[in-house]
Amino acid sequence: MTLADTVATAVRNAWALTFGSGIEAPDRTASTVLWDMPHRRLLRFEDADGIAPVDGSAVLLVPPLAAPATCFDLRPDQSLARFLLATGRHPYVIDYGEITFDDRRMGFEDWIDDILPEAVLRVSADRAGRPVDLVGWSIGGTLALLAAAAHAELPIRSITAVGSPLDYDEMTGIPQLRKVAKLTGGLVTSMVIRAAGGVPAPLTRIGYKITALDRELTRPWFVASNITRTETLARMEAVDRFMAEMPGYPGRFYGQLWGRLILNNDIGRGIVRLGARRIELAKVTAPVLLVGGPDDVITPAAAVRAGTRTLDGSAMVRYETAPGGHLGILAGPAARDTTWSYLDKFLAETA
C-alpha cells in the first residue's frame, strides 16, 4: 500500500467513525422466522439464497439474558451461525427480544420450563424429529443445562456451554459482594430490583462496559493506532453495536439469580432450588462441552471448569480453554481456531 493509499484509508475510516455511518454496515446471516411470540422468536439460519443444508445436525444457539441474540452473528467473520452453516449443520437461535417493566414477573422457570423446551421441540420438528445440539453462551449455557436437567424427555443430543458460570465461588468479586450483602441479608439489592422491575437495559450496558474498563479507557488510542486497519475497526464497531443493543433482566429472574446463584451458589453445589423444587445438574445425561477463558474477567475459567465436577451424570464432559474476554472466546479473532474448532469436533463425535 502506497503512502497515498494509507492516508486515504485513514481519512475514510476517521470520517466513517465520526461523521459517517460507520466502518461497516451490519451484515447478518440470512434467516427465516419459524416461531414469533414474545421473548421466544425462533429463527433458522440459511445461506444467502435462503437455502439450508440438506443434511446435518440441528444446532440451537442459546443466548443469555441481558445480551442480544446477535452475539452468535456479529458480522461475517465473527459469526458462529455462518461457521455452522459452512460445516453443513442447521443453526437456529432463540431471540428473547426486549425486556421491559411488564416482564418483571418472568423467572428462571419461564426459560427452563417453557421458552427453551418449546424451542428445542420446534427445532427438532423442523428437522423431522431429530435430536438437537444446544450451544449456549454465558448464562445461556447455564439455562440450557438446567433445562436439560429438568426435562429428560427433551430430544437433546449434546450441550455446549461457552463462558457459562457454573460456580459463583469462582466468580470475580462475588465472595466480597456476599460479605457486604450479609450486612443487610441481601435485602437492599432485592428491594431495589423489585422496585425497578428488574435491571434496565442501560444499567446492563454500563455494567458490561465496567468489566471492560481498560477497553473503554484506551479506546481513543486504539482507534488512532489502528486508523488504517479497516478490519480491526470493523470488529471494534461490531462489539460497540452489540453492547448498544443489550436488553435488561426481568425482576424475578434477577432476584433468583441474586438469591440462589450469587449469594447461595446453588449452581456450584450442583442443585438449583426454585421454591420447593430442586434441579440437579447430575441429571444431565447428554455429552457436554465446556469452554472457559483464562482471560475472561466476567466468568473466570475456573467457574466454567466447575461443571466437570457437578455434571457427573453426563455421558462425557470435556473442558477446553480459549483466549479472549467474555465475548472474545465466542466471537473474537481466535474463536475460529479454538472455540469453534472444539465445537466442530465435539459435534462430529456426538453425531
Protein backbone atom coordinates (compact mmCIF):
# COMPACT_ATOMS: atom_id res chain seq x y z
CA MET A 1 0.00 0.00 0.00
CA THR A 2 1.39 3.38 -1.01
CA LEU A 3 1.54 6.39 1.28
CA ALA A 4 -1.35 7.94 -0.63
CA ASP A 5 -3.43 4.79 -0.16
CA THR A 6 -2.62 4.72 3.55
CA VAL A 7 -3.63 8.35 4.01
CA ALA A 8 -6.83 7.81 2.02
CA THR A 9 -7.75 4.80 4.15
CA ALA A 10 -7.06 6.70 7.37
CA VAL A 11 -9.19 9.66 6.28
CA ARG A 12 -12.02 7.42 5.12
CA ASN A 13 -12.06 5.44 8.39
CA ALA A 14 -11.83 8.58 10.54
CA TRP A 15 -14.77 10.11 8.68
CA ALA A 16 -16.80 6.90 8.96
CA LEU A 17 -16.29 6.72 12.73
CA THR A 18 -17.11 10.37 13.39
CA PHE A 19 -19.45 11.93 10.83
CA GLY A 20 -20.22 8.93 8.61
CA SER A 21 -22.47 5.89 9.04
CA GLY A 22 -19.73 3.67 10.38
CA ILE A 23 -16.94 1.49 9.07
CA GLU A 24 -19.18 -1.35 8.00
CA ALA A 25 -22.95 -1.78 7.75
CA PRO A 26 -24.45 -4.70 9.71
CA ASP A 27 -24.39 -7.86 7.61
CA ARG A 28 -26.48 -10.51 9.34
CA THR A 29 -26.75 -14.09 8.18
CA ALA A 30 -29.95 -14.80 6.23
CA SER A 31 -32.66 -16.39 8.37
CA THR A 32 -36.30 -17.47 8.41
CA VAL A 33 -38.60 -16.89 11.38
CA LEU A 34 -40.17 -20.19 12.48
CA TRP A 35 -41.93 -19.02 15.62
CA ASP A 36 -42.66 -15.47 16.72
CA MET A 37 -44.05 -14.97 20.20
CA PRO A 38 -42.99 -12.53 22.94
CA HIS A 39 -39.49 -13.42 24.21
CA ARG A 40 -39.30 -16.56 22.08
CA ARG A 41 -38.64 -15.65 18.48
CA LEU A 42 -37.10 -18.69 16.81
CA LEU A 43 -35.01 -18.23 13.66
CA ARG A 44 -33.40 -20.73 11.32
CA PHE A 45 -30.21 -19.52 9.67
CA GLU A 46 -29.73 -20.12 5.96
CA ASP A 47 -27.24 -19.20 3.26
CA ALA A 48 -27.54 -16.01 1.20
CA ASP A 49 -30.02 -17.71 -1.17
CA GLY A 50 -32.28 -18.78 1.69
CA ILE A 51 -31.14 -22.41 1.47
CA ALA A 52 -30.23 -24.57 4.45
CA PRO A 53 -28.02 -27.68 4.19
CA VAL A 54 -29.84 -30.78 3.01
CA ASP A 55 -28.40 -32.89 5.81
CA GLY A 56 -26.53 -32.18 9.02
CA SER A 57 -27.40 -31.82 12.68
CA ALA A 58 -29.68 -29.19 14.19
CA VAL A 59 -27.90 -26.73 16.50
CA LEU A 60 -29.93 -24.39 18.71
CA LEU A 61 -27.95 -21.32 19.81
CA VAL A 62 -29.00 -20.12 23.27
CA PRO A 63 -28.09 -16.53 24.20
CA PRO A 64 -28.00 -15.28 27.78
CA LEU A 65 -30.37 -12.69 29.14
CA ALA A 66 -29.09 -9.11 29.04
CA ALA A 67 -27.37 -9.78 25.71
CA PRO A 68 -28.82 -9.69 22.19
CA ALA A 69 -29.06 -12.89 20.16
CA THR A 70 -26.69 -11.26 17.66
CA CYS A 71 -23.83 -12.49 19.88
CA PHE A 72 -23.81 -15.53 17.58
CA ASP A 73 -23.81 -13.43 14.40
CA LEU A 74 -21.91 -10.17 14.95
CA ARG A 75 -20.52 -9.89 11.43
CA PRO A 76 -19.44 -12.36 8.68
CA ASP A 77 -16.04 -13.13 10.24
CA GLN A 78 -17.46 -13.17 13.77
CA SER A 79 -20.46 -15.40 13.20
CA LEU A 80 -20.76 -18.82 14.78
CA ALA A 81 -24.01 -19.18 12.82
CA ARG A 82 -22.18 -18.86 9.48
CA PHE A 83 -19.47 -21.22 10.64
CA LEU A 84 -22.06 -23.87 11.48
CA LEU A 85 -23.70 -23.41 8.08
CA ALA A 86 -20.32 -23.78 6.39
CA THR A 87 -19.77 -27.08 8.20
CA GLY A 88 -23.07 -28.44 6.88
CA ARG A 89 -25.14 -28.02 10.04
CA HIS A 90 -28.53 -26.39 10.65
CA PRO A 91 -28.13 -23.49 13.11
CA TYR A 92 -31.13 -21.92 14.86
CA VAL A 93 -31.31 -19.20 17.51
CA ILE A 94 -33.90 -18.21 20.09
CA ASP A 95 -34.25 -14.44 20.48
CA TYR A 96 -35.77 -13.11 23.73
CA GLY A 97 -36.18 -9.55 22.43
CA GLU A 98 -36.54 -6.54 24.69
CA ILE A 99 -37.15 -6.96 28.41
CA THR A 100 -39.38 -4.28 29.98
CA PHE A 101 -41.06 -3.50 33.29
CA ASP A 102 -44.07 -5.54 32.14
CA ASP A 103 -41.84 -8.64 32.12
CA ARG A 104 -40.84 -8.26 35.77
CA ARG A 105 -42.59 -11.49 36.83
CA MET A 106 -40.58 -13.68 34.44
CA GLY A 107 -38.19 -16.01 36.24
CA PHE A 108 -35.86 -18.95 35.66
CA GLU A 109 -38.87 -21.22 35.23
CA ASP A 110 -40.00 -19.32 32.13
CA TRP A 111 -36.77 -20.26 30.37
CA ILE A 112 -36.21 -23.71 31.87
CA ASP A 113 -39.79 -24.99 31.56
CA ASP A 114 -41.23 -23.02 28.65
CA ILE A 115 -39.05 -20.98 26.30
CA LEU A 116 -36.13 -23.38 25.83
CA PRO A 117 -38.10 -26.67 25.85
CA GLU A 118 -40.55 -25.30 23.28
CA ALA A 119 -37.67 -24.07 21.11
CA VAL A 120 -35.97 -27.48 21.28
CA LEU A 121 -39.18 -29.26 20.27
CA ARG A 122 -39.80 -26.87 17.38
CA VAL A 123 -36.25 -27.20 16.09
CA SER A 124 -36.48 -30.97 16.33
CA ALA A 125 -39.79 -30.94 14.47
CA ASP A 126 -38.27 -28.76 11.75
CA ARG A 127 -35.64 -31.47 11.29
CA ALA A 128 -38.13 -34.36 11.12
CA GLY A 129 -37.80 -35.26 14.79
CA ARG A 130 -34.01 -35.39 15.00
CA PRO A 131 -32.28 -34.60 18.32
CA VAL A 132 -30.91 -31.13 18.87
CA ASP A 133 -27.45 -29.89 19.90
CA LEU A 134 -27.62 -26.90 22.27
CA VAL A 135 -24.90 -24.24 22.29
CA GLY A 136 -25.21 -21.56 24.97
CA TRP A 137 -23.03 -18.58 25.75
CA SER A 138 -22.63 -17.13 29.26
CA ILE A 139 -25.73 -17.79 31.38
CA GLY A 140 -27.39 -19.09 28.20
CA GLY A 141 -25.26 -22.20 28.68
CA THR A 142 -26.36 -22.42 32.31
CA LEU A 143 -30.02 -22.22 31.28
CA ALA A 144 -29.50 -24.88 28.60
CA LEU A 145 -28.00 -27.25 31.20
CA LEU A 146 -30.80 -26.57 33.69
CA ALA A 147 -33.47 -27.14 31.03
CA ALA A 148 -31.85 -30.47 30.10
CA ALA A 149 -31.64 -31.46 33.78
CA ALA A 150 -35.28 -30.58 34.40
CA HIS A 151 -36.65 -32.24 31.27
CA ALA A 152 -35.03 -35.57 30.46
CA GLU A 153 -37.70 -36.16 27.81
CA LEU A 154 -36.40 -33.40 25.53
CA PRO A 155 -34.63 -34.56 22.33
CA ILE A 156 -31.25 -33.08 23.29
CA ARG A 157 -28.19 -34.77 21.84
CA SER A 158 -25.45 -32.59 23.34
CA ILE A 159 -24.87 -29.33 25.20
CA THR A 160 -22.03 -26.85 24.76
CA ALA A 161 -21.60 -24.07 27.32
CA VAL A 162 -19.18 -21.25 26.45
CA GLY A 163 -18.14 -18.93 29.28
CA SER A 164 -21.02 -20.20 31.43
CA PRO A 165 -20.86 -19.58 35.20
CA LEU A 166 -21.22 -22.93 36.98
CA ASP A 167 -19.68 -21.98 40.33
CA TYR A 168 -20.14 -18.48 41.75
CA ASP A 169 -17.47 -19.08 44.41
CA GLU A 170 -15.04 -18.77 41.50
CA MET A 171 -16.57 -15.56 40.10
CA THR A 172 -14.56 -12.35 40.45
CA GLY A 173 -15.71 -10.20 43.37
CA ILE A 174 -18.56 -12.49 44.44
CA PRO A 175 -17.08 -13.53 47.83
CA GLN A 176 -16.56 -9.84 48.68
CA LEU A 177 -20.06 -9.00 47.47
CA ARG A 178 -21.52 -11.65 49.75
CA LYS A 179 -19.79 -10.13 52.77
CA VAL A 180 -21.39 -6.78 52.02
CA ALA A 181 -24.78 -8.40 51.38
CA LYS A 182 -24.66 -10.15 54.77
CA LEU A 183 -24.89 -6.77 56.49
CA THR A 184 -28.46 -6.42 55.19
CA GLY A 185 -29.23 -10.05 54.45
CA GLY A 186 -29.21 -9.15 50.77
CA LEU A 187 -32.46 -7.23 51.22
CA VAL A 188 -31.29 -3.89 49.82
CA THR A 189 -30.45 -5.30 46.40
CA SER A 190 -33.66 -7.37 46.32
CA MET A 191 -35.79 -4.36 47.18
CA VAL A 192 -34.16 -2.14 44.58
CA ILE A 193 -34.51 -4.75 41.83
CA ARG A 194 -38.12 -5.43 42.81
CA ALA A 195 -38.99 -1.75 42.78
CA ALA A 196 -37.36 -1.24 39.38
CA GLY A 197 -38.98 -4.37 37.96
CA GLY A 198 -35.57 -5.76 37.05
CA VAL A 199 -32.25 -4.49 35.78
CA PRO A 200 -32.93 -1.95 33.00
CA ALA A 201 -31.04 -2.18 29.73
CA PRO A 202 -28.92 0.99 30.27
CA LEU A 203 -27.62 -0.45 33.53
CA THR A 204 -26.60 -3.77 31.94
CA ARG A 205 -24.74 -1.82 29.24
CA ILE A 206 -22.91 0.23 31.85
CA GLY A 207 -22.08 -2.93 33.80
CA TYR A 208 -20.61 -4.61 30.73
CA LYS A 209 -18.50 -1.53 29.98
CA ILE A 210 -17.17 -1.50 33.53
CA THR A 211 -15.94 -5.07 33.14
CA ALA A 212 -14.08 -3.92 30.03
CA LEU A 213 -12.94 -0.62 31.51
CA ASP A 214 -9.45 -0.90 30.05
CA ARG A 215 -11.01 -1.16 26.58
CA GLU A 216 -13.13 1.93 27.18
CA LEU A 217 -10.26 3.99 28.59
CA THR A 218 -7.81 3.07 25.82
CA ARG A 219 -10.36 3.36 23.02
CA PRO A 220 -9.05 6.71 21.62
CA TRP A 221 -5.52 5.32 21.44
CA PHE A 222 -6.78 2.06 19.95
CA VAL A 223 -8.65 3.92 17.19
CA ALA A 224 -5.72 6.21 16.47
CA SER A 225 -3.19 3.37 16.29
CA ASN A 226 -5.46 1.27 14.05
CA ILE A 227 -6.94 4.01 11.89
CA THR A 228 -5.65 2.34 8.70
CA ARG A 229 -6.73 -1.18 9.76
CA THR A 230 -10.29 -1.28 8.49
CA GLU A 231 -10.91 -4.88 9.55
CA THR A 232 -9.76 -4.19 13.12
CA LEU A 233 -12.01 -1.13 13.37
CA ALA A 234 -14.94 -3.11 11.92
CA ARG A 235 -14.51 -5.68 14.72
CA MET A 236 -14.48 -2.90 17.31
CA GLU A 237 -17.59 -1.38 15.77
CA ALA A 238 -19.40 -4.75 15.83
CA VAL A 239 -18.71 -5.08 19.57
CA ASP A 240 -19.89 -1.48 20.15
CA ARG A 241 -23.10 -2.24 18.27
CA PHE A 242 -23.59 -5.41 20.30
CA MET A 243 -23.19 -3.53 23.58
CA ALA A 244 -25.63 -0.82 22.49
CA GLU A 245 -28.31 -3.47 21.88
CA MET A 246 -28.10 -5.11 25.30
CA PRO A 247 -31.52 -5.63 26.92
CA GLY A 248 -32.16 -5.89 30.67
CA TYR A 249 -33.09 -8.56 33.22
CA PRO A 250 -36.65 -9.28 34.44
CA GLY A 251 -37.05 -8.52 38.14
CA ARG A 252 -37.99 -12.03 39.28
CA PHE A 253 -35.24 -13.65 37.22
CA TYR A 254 -32.58 -11.37 38.64
CA GLY A 255 -33.95 -11.88 42.14
CA GLN A 256 -33.49 -15.64 41.73
CA LEU A 257 -30.05 -15.14 40.20
CA TRP A 258 -29.06 -12.92 43.12
CA GLY A 259 -30.50 -15.14 45.86
CA ARG A 260 -29.93 -18.68 44.61
CA LEU A 261 -26.79 -18.39 42.47
CA ILE A 262 -24.83 -15.33 43.60
CA LEU A 263 -25.49 -15.45 47.36
CA ASN A 264 -26.03 -19.20 47.88
CA ASN A 265 -24.09 -20.64 44.93
CA ASP A 266 -26.69 -23.36 44.25
CA ILE A 267 -25.20 -23.96 40.81
CA GLY A 268 -21.75 -24.60 42.27
CA ARG A 269 -23.24 -27.25 44.55
CA GLY A 270 -24.96 -28.87 41.60
CA ILE A 271 -28.54 -28.34 42.79
CA VAL A 272 -30.56 -25.19 42.00
CA ARG A 273 -33.54 -24.59 44.26
CA LEU A 274 -36.51 -22.71 42.88
CA GLY A 275 -39.00 -22.62 45.71
CA ALA A 276 -39.61 -26.22 46.79
CA ARG A 277 -38.22 -27.51 43.51
CA ARG A 278 -34.71 -28.95 43.09
CA ILE A 279 -32.98 -29.09 39.70
CA GLU A 280 -29.91 -31.33 39.80
CA LEU A 281 -27.13 -30.91 37.25
CA ALA A 282 -26.30 -34.57 37.76
CA LYS A 283 -29.47 -35.38 35.82
CA VAL A 284 -27.92 -34.05 32.60
CA THR A 285 -27.08 -37.20 30.67
CA ALA A 286 -26.12 -35.76 27.28
CA PRO A 287 -22.44 -35.18 26.42
CA VAL A 288 -21.25 -31.72 27.46
CA LEU A 289 -18.52 -29.44 26.12
CA LEU A 290 -17.38 -26.59 28.39
CA VAL A 291 -15.21 -23.73 27.10
CA GLY A 292 -13.63 -21.28 29.52
CA GLY A 293 -11.44 -18.25 29.02
CA PRO A 294 -8.34 -17.75 31.20
CA ASP A 295 -8.57 -14.01 30.36
CA ASP A 296 -12.35 -13.79 30.91
CA VAL A 297 -12.97 -11.37 33.79
CA ILE A 298 -16.75 -11.82 33.77
CA THR A 299 -16.76 -15.63 34.05
CA PRO A 300 -13.30 -16.85 35.06
CA ALA A 301 -12.22 -20.17 33.58
CA ALA A 302 -12.43 -21.88 36.98
CA ALA A 303 -16.15 -21.03 37.21
CA VAL A 304 -16.72 -22.86 33.91
CA ARG A 305 -14.43 -25.79 34.70
CA ALA A 306 -16.50 -26.47 37.84
CA GLY A 307 -19.02 -28.21 35.59
CA THR A 308 -16.62 -31.12 35.21
CA ARG A 309 -17.34 -31.82 38.88
CA THR A 310 -21.11 -31.21 39.08
CA LEU A 311 -22.17 -32.74 35.74
CA ASP A 312 -21.29 -36.22 36.90
CA GLY A 313 -24.33 -37.85 35.25
CA SER A 314 -23.27 -36.79 31.77
CA ALA A 315 -22.08 -39.38 29.27
CA MET A 316 -18.99 -37.19 28.76
CA VAL A 317 -17.81 -33.79 29.98
CA ARG A 318 -14.99 -32.14 28.06
CA TYR A 319 -13.33 -28.89 29.14
CA GLU A 320 -11.35 -26.62 26.82
CA THR A 321 -9.93 -23.10 27.05
CA ALA A 322 -9.84 -20.25 24.55
CA PRO A 323 -8.13 -16.83 24.54
CA GLY A 324 -10.03 -13.58 24.81
CA GLY A 325 -12.53 -11.91 27.08
CA HIS A 326 -16.11 -12.99 27.76
CA LEU A 327 -17.35 -12.17 24.25
CA GLY A 328 -13.95 -12.86 22.71
CA ILE A 329 -14.00 -16.59 23.44
CA LEU A 330 -17.26 -16.79 21.48
CA ALA A 331 -16.63 -14.36 18.65
CA GLY A 332 -13.10 -12.98 18.92
CA PRO A 333 -10.24 -13.22 16.40
CA ALA A 334 -9.07 -16.57 17.80
CA ALA A 335 -12.53 -18.15 18.23
CA ARG A 336 -12.49 -19.89 14.83
CA ASP A 337 -9.31 -21.82 15.70
CA THR A 338 -10.29 -22.53 19.31
CA THR A 339 -13.93 -22.46 20.47
CA TRP A 340 -15.45 -23.09 17.03
CA SER A 341 -12.91 -25.79 16.26
CA TYR A 342 -13.61 -27.53 19.60
CA LEU A 343 -17.34 -27.34 18.86
CA ASP A 344 -16.95 -28.71 15.33
CA LYS A 345 -15.00 -31.72 16.60
CA PHE A 346 -17.37 -32.26 19.54
CA LEU A 347 -20.50 -32.19 17.35
CA ALA A 348 -18.89 -34.59 14.88
CA GLU A 349 -18.10 -37.03 17.68
CA THR A 350 -21.55 -36.85 19.28
CA ALA A 351 -23.17 -37.33 15.87
